[in-house]
Amino acid sequence: MIDKVPTLPRRPATQPSRSGDTEAESRMADPTTVKMRSRGLDFYYGANHVLHNVDFDVFAHSVTALIGPSGCGKSTFLRTLNRMNDQIPGARLTGEVSIDGNDIYDPLVDVTALRRRIGMVFQRSNPFPKSIYENVAFGLRIAGVRDKRVLDETVEESLKLSALWDEVKDDLNKPAFMFSGGQQQRLCIARALAVRPEVILMDEPASALDPISTAKIEELIEDLKVRYTIVIVTHNMQQAARISQYTGFFYMGDLVEFGPTAKIFTTPSEKRTEDYVTGRFG
């Protein structure tokens, strides 16, 4: 576990009950509601100070893009949001990261349960050496679900949500590696959706894909924000402008600027932001 030095009072670690999962209820959600938040976040790899005093809000049912040059800390920040950095030797942080007002680094938090609430999709597709069906059902089986009807319904729903069902519904027992890279990445998204997360973190999910597959991933993200809160790391400025409602610009471990995407790309407040989004550096 990361060595966490608290700088703010602890909140109870009990998790609030989740609101309904129906699309109608999701559409009623207020997109200005803060779902996750960091305050005074500093992160270290050993003596290397990677993130500096980051204050950040992730708004519910919206897409938030993290942009900045390589090595600026955006992927590290993304991984702090579901404690993916916990197993890195020498990693530690100060400050607070919370979901629905609850500190996710509280010692009483069940990290496995937390990662069911906050799913992760990585840069390269990483399907398991199993069938399409078993890939999607994997998290459910780990959670103890054995009812075949529940498994079947959830697999179908997740594949539909990831815009993959029509392409694979007749091939659910075929190995995942038989499918294209774009299909494998959507399969990984379906696998994340199967455990019904509230937040989905995506670390450059389309960077290894061709333009057609990238467009499908972007369309999928647009559809998913109705039900989920999405945070995406991307090096593609056009992609960030197309799919996100909020953007944070990181540079050398600092959150230089955060705000509505339209403002960040048209009238940024910081000169460094303007230089980056206009291609003067990075």
Protein backbone atom coordinates (compact mmCIF):
# COMPACT_ATOMS: atom_id res chain seq x y z
CA MET A 1 0.00 0.00 0.00
CA ILE A 2 1.17 3.53 -0.72
CA ASP A 3 2.53 5.41 2.27
CA LYS A 4 -0.23 8.00 2.68
CA VAL A 5 0.37 11.02 4.91
CA PRO A 6 -3.04 12.62 5.48
CA THR A 7 -3.23 16.40 5.33
CA LEU A 8 -6.99 16.74 5.70
CA PRO A 9 -9.45 15.25 8.23
CA ARG A 10 -10.54 11.71 7.41
CA ARG A 11 -14.10 10.98 6.40
CA PRO A 12 -15.89 7.71 7.19
CA ALA A 13 -14.86 4.97 4.77
CA THR A 14 -18.35 3.60 4.32
CA GLN A 15 -19.40 3.71 0.69
CA PRO A 16 -22.67 5.49 -0.17
CA SER A 17 -25.31 3.46 -1.92
CA ARG A 18 -25.25 3.77 -5.69
CA SER A 19 -28.07 5.53 -7.50
CA GLY A 20 -30.17 3.54 -9.97
CA ASP A 21 -28.47 2.20 -13.06
CA THR A 22 -31.29 2.90 -15.49
CA GLU A 23 -30.63 5.19 -18.41
CA ALA A 24 -33.50 7.46 -17.40
CA GLU A 25 -32.00 7.97 -13.95
CA SER A 26 -28.57 8.55 -15.44
CA ARG A 27 -29.90 11.24 -17.76
CA MET A 28 -31.33 13.03 -14.73
CA ALA A 29 -27.89 13.22 -13.10
CA ASP A 30 -26.49 16.72 -12.75
CA PRO A 31 -23.33 16.96 -14.92
CA THR A 32 -22.02 19.74 -12.65
CA THR A 33 -21.91 17.39 -9.64
CA VAL A 34 -18.37 16.62 -8.52
CA LYS A 35 -17.90 12.84 -8.57
CA MET A 36 -14.20 12.71 -7.68
CA ARG A 37 -11.85 15.29 -6.28
CA SER A 38 -8.21 15.72 -5.38
CA ARG A 39 -7.00 18.35 -2.97
CA GLY A 40 -3.40 19.22 -2.20
CA LEU A 41 -2.23 16.06 -3.95
CA ASP A 42 1.51 15.48 -4.04
CA PHE A 43 2.87 12.21 -5.38
CA TYR A 44 6.37 10.75 -5.18
CA TYR A 45 8.27 7.85 -6.70
CA GLY A 46 10.97 7.57 -4.05
CA ALA A 47 12.69 10.94 -4.02
CA ASN A 48 11.15 11.93 -7.36
CA HIS A 49 8.37 14.47 -6.78
CA VAL A 50 6.01 13.68 -9.68
CA LEU A 51 2.82 15.64 -8.91
CA HIS A 52 2.74 18.99 -7.17
CA ASN A 53 -0.22 20.15 -5.08
CA VAL A 54 -2.89 19.08 -7.58
CA ASP A 55 -6.44 20.31 -6.95
CA PHE A 56 -8.77 18.68 -9.46
CA ASP A 57 -12.51 18.06 -9.85
CA VAL A 58 -14.03 15.27 -11.94
CA PHE A 59 -17.63 16.05 -12.82
CA ALA A 60 -20.25 13.32 -12.97
CA HIS A 61 -21.57 12.06 -16.32
CA SER A 62 -19.00 13.96 -18.33
CA VAL A 63 -15.72 13.25 -20.11
CA THR A 64 -12.61 14.86 -18.62
CA ALA A 65 -9.45 14.84 -20.73
CA LEU A 66 -5.93 14.99 -19.28
CA ILE A 67 -3.45 16.47 -21.73
CA GLY A 68 0.21 17.39 -21.65
CA PRO A 69 3.58 16.22 -23.00
CA SER A 70 5.03 12.82 -22.17
CA GLY A 71 6.31 12.52 -18.62
CA CYS A 72 4.23 15.42 -17.29
CA GLY A 73 2.36 13.34 -14.68
CA LYS A 74 -1.04 12.90 -16.30
CA SER A 75 -0.98 9.07 -16.34
CA THR A 76 0.36 9.03 -12.78
CA PHE A 77 -2.53 11.27 -11.74
CA LEU A 78 -5.01 9.01 -13.53
CA ARG A 79 -3.71 6.00 -11.60
CA THR A 80 -4.05 7.80 -8.27
CA LEU A 81 -7.82 7.88 -8.90
CA ASN A 82 -8.19 4.13 -8.31
CA ARG A 83 -4.97 3.38 -6.44
CA MET A 84 -3.22 1.63 -9.32
CA ASN A 85 0.07 3.03 -8.00
CA ASP A 86 -0.23 1.12 -4.72
CA GLN A 87 2.09 -1.71 -5.73
CA ILE A 88 4.94 0.53 -6.96
CA PRO A 89 7.87 0.36 -4.50
CA GLY A 90 8.63 3.72 -2.93
CA ALA A 91 5.41 5.36 -4.11
CA ARG A 92 3.74 7.69 -1.64
CA LEU A 93 1.37 10.61 -1.60
CA THR A 94 0.06 13.39 0.56
CA GLY A 95 -3.24 15.18 0.23
CA GLU A 96 -6.62 13.67 -0.52
CA VAL A 97 -8.40 11.88 -3.35
CA SER A 98 -12.11 11.29 -2.81
CA ILE A 99 -15.14 9.80 -4.52
CA ASP A 100 -18.55 11.06 -3.42
CA GLY A 101 -16.78 12.81 -0.55
CA ASN A 102 -15.05 9.67 0.79
CA ASP A 103 -11.25 9.51 0.93
CA ILE A 104 -10.19 6.56 -1.24
CA TYR A 105 -6.85 6.29 0.59
CA ASP A 106 -8.46 5.80 3.98
CA PRO A 107 -6.88 2.64 5.50
CA LEU A 108 -10.33 1.08 5.91
CA VAL A 109 -11.18 1.27 2.21
CA ASP A 110 -11.45 -2.09 0.42
CA VAL A 111 -9.23 -1.53 -2.62
CA THR A 112 -10.81 -4.38 -4.60
CA ALA A 113 -14.26 -2.90 -4.07
CA LEU A 114 -12.93 0.54 -4.95
CA ARG A 115 -11.63 -0.71 -8.29
CA ARG A 116 -15.03 -2.15 -9.08
CA ARG A 117 -16.41 1.36 -8.63
CA ILE A 118 -13.58 2.95 -10.61
CA GLY A 119 -12.66 0.83 -13.63
CA MET A 120 -9.56 1.13 -15.80
CA VAL A 121 -8.92 0.72 -19.54
CA PHE A 122 -5.28 0.73 -20.59
CA GLN A 123 -3.41 2.05 -23.61
CA ARG A 124 -3.06 -1.33 -25.26
CA SER A 125 -5.86 -3.85 -25.24
CA ASN A 126 -5.14 -6.61 -22.75
CA PRO A 127 -7.76 -9.32 -23.23
CA PHE A 128 -7.26 -12.48 -21.18
CA PRO A 129 -6.43 -15.74 -23.01
CA LYS A 130 -10.07 -16.73 -22.77
CA SER A 131 -13.20 -16.53 -24.88
CA ILE A 132 -15.10 -13.32 -25.51
CA TYR A 133 -17.74 -14.49 -23.02
CA GLU A 134 -15.27 -15.38 -20.28
CA ASN A 135 -13.39 -12.11 -20.70
CA VAL A 136 -16.52 -10.11 -19.99
CA ALA A 137 -17.69 -12.44 -17.22
CA PHE A 138 -14.30 -12.52 -15.50
CA GLY A 139 -14.91 -9.76 -12.96
CA LEU A 140 -18.34 -11.13 -12.11
CA ARG A 141 -16.95 -14.59 -11.45
CA ILE A 142 -14.23 -13.10 -9.23
CA ALA A 143 -16.98 -11.30 -7.33
CA GLY A 144 -18.72 -14.63 -6.75
CA VAL A 145 -21.49 -14.47 -9.34
CA ARG A 146 -22.42 -18.00 -10.42
CA ASP A 147 -25.96 -17.60 -11.74
CA LYS A 148 -25.75 -18.32 -15.48
CA ARG A 149 -28.75 -16.16 -16.27
CA VAL A 150 -27.15 -13.19 -14.54
CA LEU A 151 -23.85 -13.86 -16.30
CA ASP A 152 -25.52 -14.18 -19.70
CA GLU A 153 -27.55 -11.01 -19.26
CA THR A 154 -24.61 -8.99 -18.00
CA VAL A 155 -22.29 -10.18 -20.77
CA GLU A 156 -24.86 -9.25 -23.40
CA GLU A 157 -25.59 -5.87 -21.82
CA SER A 158 -21.89 -5.02 -21.47
CA LEU A 159 -21.13 -5.98 -25.07
CA LYS A 160 -24.06 -3.87 -26.24
CA LEU A 161 -22.88 -0.91 -24.19
CA SER A 162 -19.42 -1.26 -25.72
CA ALA A 163 -20.93 -1.37 -29.25
CA LEU A 164 -19.53 -4.86 -29.80
CA TRP A 165 -22.52 -7.18 -29.44
CA ASP A 166 -23.60 -7.19 -33.09
CA GLU A 167 -20.05 -8.04 -34.17
CA VAL A 168 -19.42 -10.94 -31.78
CA LYS A 169 -22.81 -12.30 -30.65
CA ASP A 170 -22.35 -15.43 -32.78
CA ASP A 171 -18.73 -15.89 -31.69
CA LEU A 172 -18.86 -15.56 -27.90
CA ASN A 173 -16.93 -18.79 -27.37
CA LYS A 174 -14.09 -17.86 -29.71
CA PRO A 175 -10.75 -16.71 -28.21
CA ALA A 176 -10.53 -12.94 -27.79
CA PHE A 177 -7.19 -12.84 -29.60
CA MET A 178 -8.91 -13.83 -32.85
CA PHE A 179 -10.47 -10.36 -33.11
CA SER A 180 -9.04 -7.07 -34.34
CA GLY A 181 -7.20 -4.61 -32.11
CA GLY A 182 -10.14 -2.24 -32.09
CA GLN A 183 -12.54 -5.03 -31.17
CA GLN A 184 -10.19 -6.21 -28.41
CA GLN A 185 -10.09 -2.71 -26.94
CA ARG A 186 -13.89 -2.48 -26.94
CA LEU A 187 -13.91 -5.93 -25.32
CA CYS A 188 -11.70 -4.57 -22.55
CA ILE A 189 -14.17 -1.72 -22.10
CA ALA A 190 -17.02 -4.28 -21.94
CA ARG A 191 -15.05 -6.21 -19.29
CA ALA A 192 -14.74 -3.03 -17.23
CA LEU A 193 -18.45 -2.26 -17.64
CA ALA A 194 -19.58 -5.73 -16.54
CA VAL A 195 -18.94 -5.01 -12.86
CA ARG A 196 -21.03 -1.82 -13.15
CA PRO A 197 -18.47 0.83 -12.25
CA GLU A 198 -19.35 4.44 -11.60
CA VAL A 199 -16.15 5.92 -13.06
CA ILE A 200 -14.10 4.69 -16.03
CA LEU A 201 -10.45 5.71 -16.35
CA MET A 202 -8.92 5.44 -19.82
CA ASP A 203 -5.18 5.76 -20.44
CA GLU A 204 -4.81 6.61 -24.15
CA PRO A 205 -7.29 3.90 -25.17
CA ALA A 206 -7.08 4.67 -28.90
CA SER A 207 -3.39 5.49 -29.34
CA ALA A 208 -2.56 2.06 -30.84
CA LEU A 209 -5.63 1.92 -33.10
CA ASP A 210 -6.28 2.85 -36.72
CA PRO A 211 -8.48 5.90 -37.52
CA ILE A 212 -11.66 3.82 -38.05
CA SER A 213 -11.27 1.99 -34.74
CA THR A 214 -10.38 5.27 -33.03
CA ALA A 215 -13.61 6.83 -34.30
CA LYS A 216 -15.59 3.90 -32.89
CA ILE A 217 -13.93 4.30 -29.49
CA GLU A 218 -14.72 8.02 -29.51
CA GLU A 219 -18.36 7.38 -30.42
CA LEU A 220 -18.52 4.82 -27.64
CA ILE A 221 -17.12 7.27 -25.09
CA GLU A 222 -19.73 9.82 -26.11
CA ASP A 223 -22.49 7.25 -25.53
CA LEU A 224 -21.08 5.96 -22.25
CA LYS A 225 -20.94 9.32 -20.49
CA VAL A 226 -24.74 9.14 -20.11
CA ARG A 227 -24.26 6.33 -17.57
CA TYR A 228 -20.68 6.78 -16.41
CA THR A 229 -18.12 9.39 -15.44
CA ILE A 230 -15.07 9.15 -17.73
CA VAL A 231 -11.52 10.43 -17.35
CA ILE A 232 -9.22 9.96 -20.34
CA VAL A 233 -5.51 10.60 -20.90
CA THR A 234 -4.77 11.54 -24.49
CA HIS A 235 -1.89 13.01 -26.48
CA ASN A 236 -4.27 13.80 -29.34
CA MET A 237 -5.39 17.43 -29.04
CA GLN A 238 -8.13 16.99 -31.62
CA GLN A 239 -9.45 13.99 -29.75
CA ALA A 240 -9.58 15.88 -26.46
CA ALA A 241 -11.42 18.75 -28.17
CA ARG A 242 -13.92 16.36 -29.80
CA ILE A 243 -14.92 14.14 -26.92
CA SER A 244 -14.38 15.95 -23.61
CA GLN A 245 -16.38 18.51 -21.70
CA TYR A 246 -13.52 19.38 -19.32
CA THR A 247 -9.76 19.39 -19.84
CA GLY A 248 -6.81 19.53 -17.48
CA PHE A 249 -3.37 20.52 -18.81
CA PHE A 250 -0.44 19.00 -16.93
CA TYR A 251 3.16 20.15 -17.35
CA MET A 252 6.17 18.93 -15.37
CA GLY A 253 4.00 17.65 -12.55
CA ASP A 254 1.88 20.78 -12.26
CA LEU A 255 -1.77 21.10 -13.15
CA VAL A 256 -1.30 24.30 -15.12
CA GLU A 257 -4.93 24.84 -16.02
CA PHE A 258 -8.29 23.10 -15.72
CA GLY A 259 -11.66 24.11 -17.11
CA PRO A 260 -14.28 23.59 -19.79
CA THR A 261 -12.67 22.14 -22.89
CA ALA A 262 -13.92 24.92 -25.16
CA LYS A 263 -12.20 27.52 -22.97
CA ILE A 264 -8.96 25.56 -22.65
CA PHE A 265 -8.66 25.29 -26.44
CA THR A 266 -9.90 28.76 -27.45
CA THR A 267 -9.23 31.22 -24.61
CA PRO A 268 -6.87 29.58 -22.10
CA SER A 269 -5.87 31.64 -19.08
CA GLU A 270 -2.26 30.45 -18.96
CA LYS A 271 0.42 31.16 -21.57
CA ARG A 272 1.84 27.65 -21.21
CA THR A 273 -1.57 26.18 -22.00
CA GLU A 274 -1.91 28.36 -25.09
CA ASP A 275 1.57 27.39 -26.27
CA TYR A 276 0.81 23.70 -25.85
CA VAL A 277 -2.61 23.54 -27.47
CA THR A 278 -1.40 25.65 -30.41
CA GLY A 279 1.59 23.36 -30.98
CA ARG A 280 4.37 25.74 -29.94
CA PHE A 281 5.84 22.98 -27.80
CA GLY A 282 5.12 19.40 -26.74
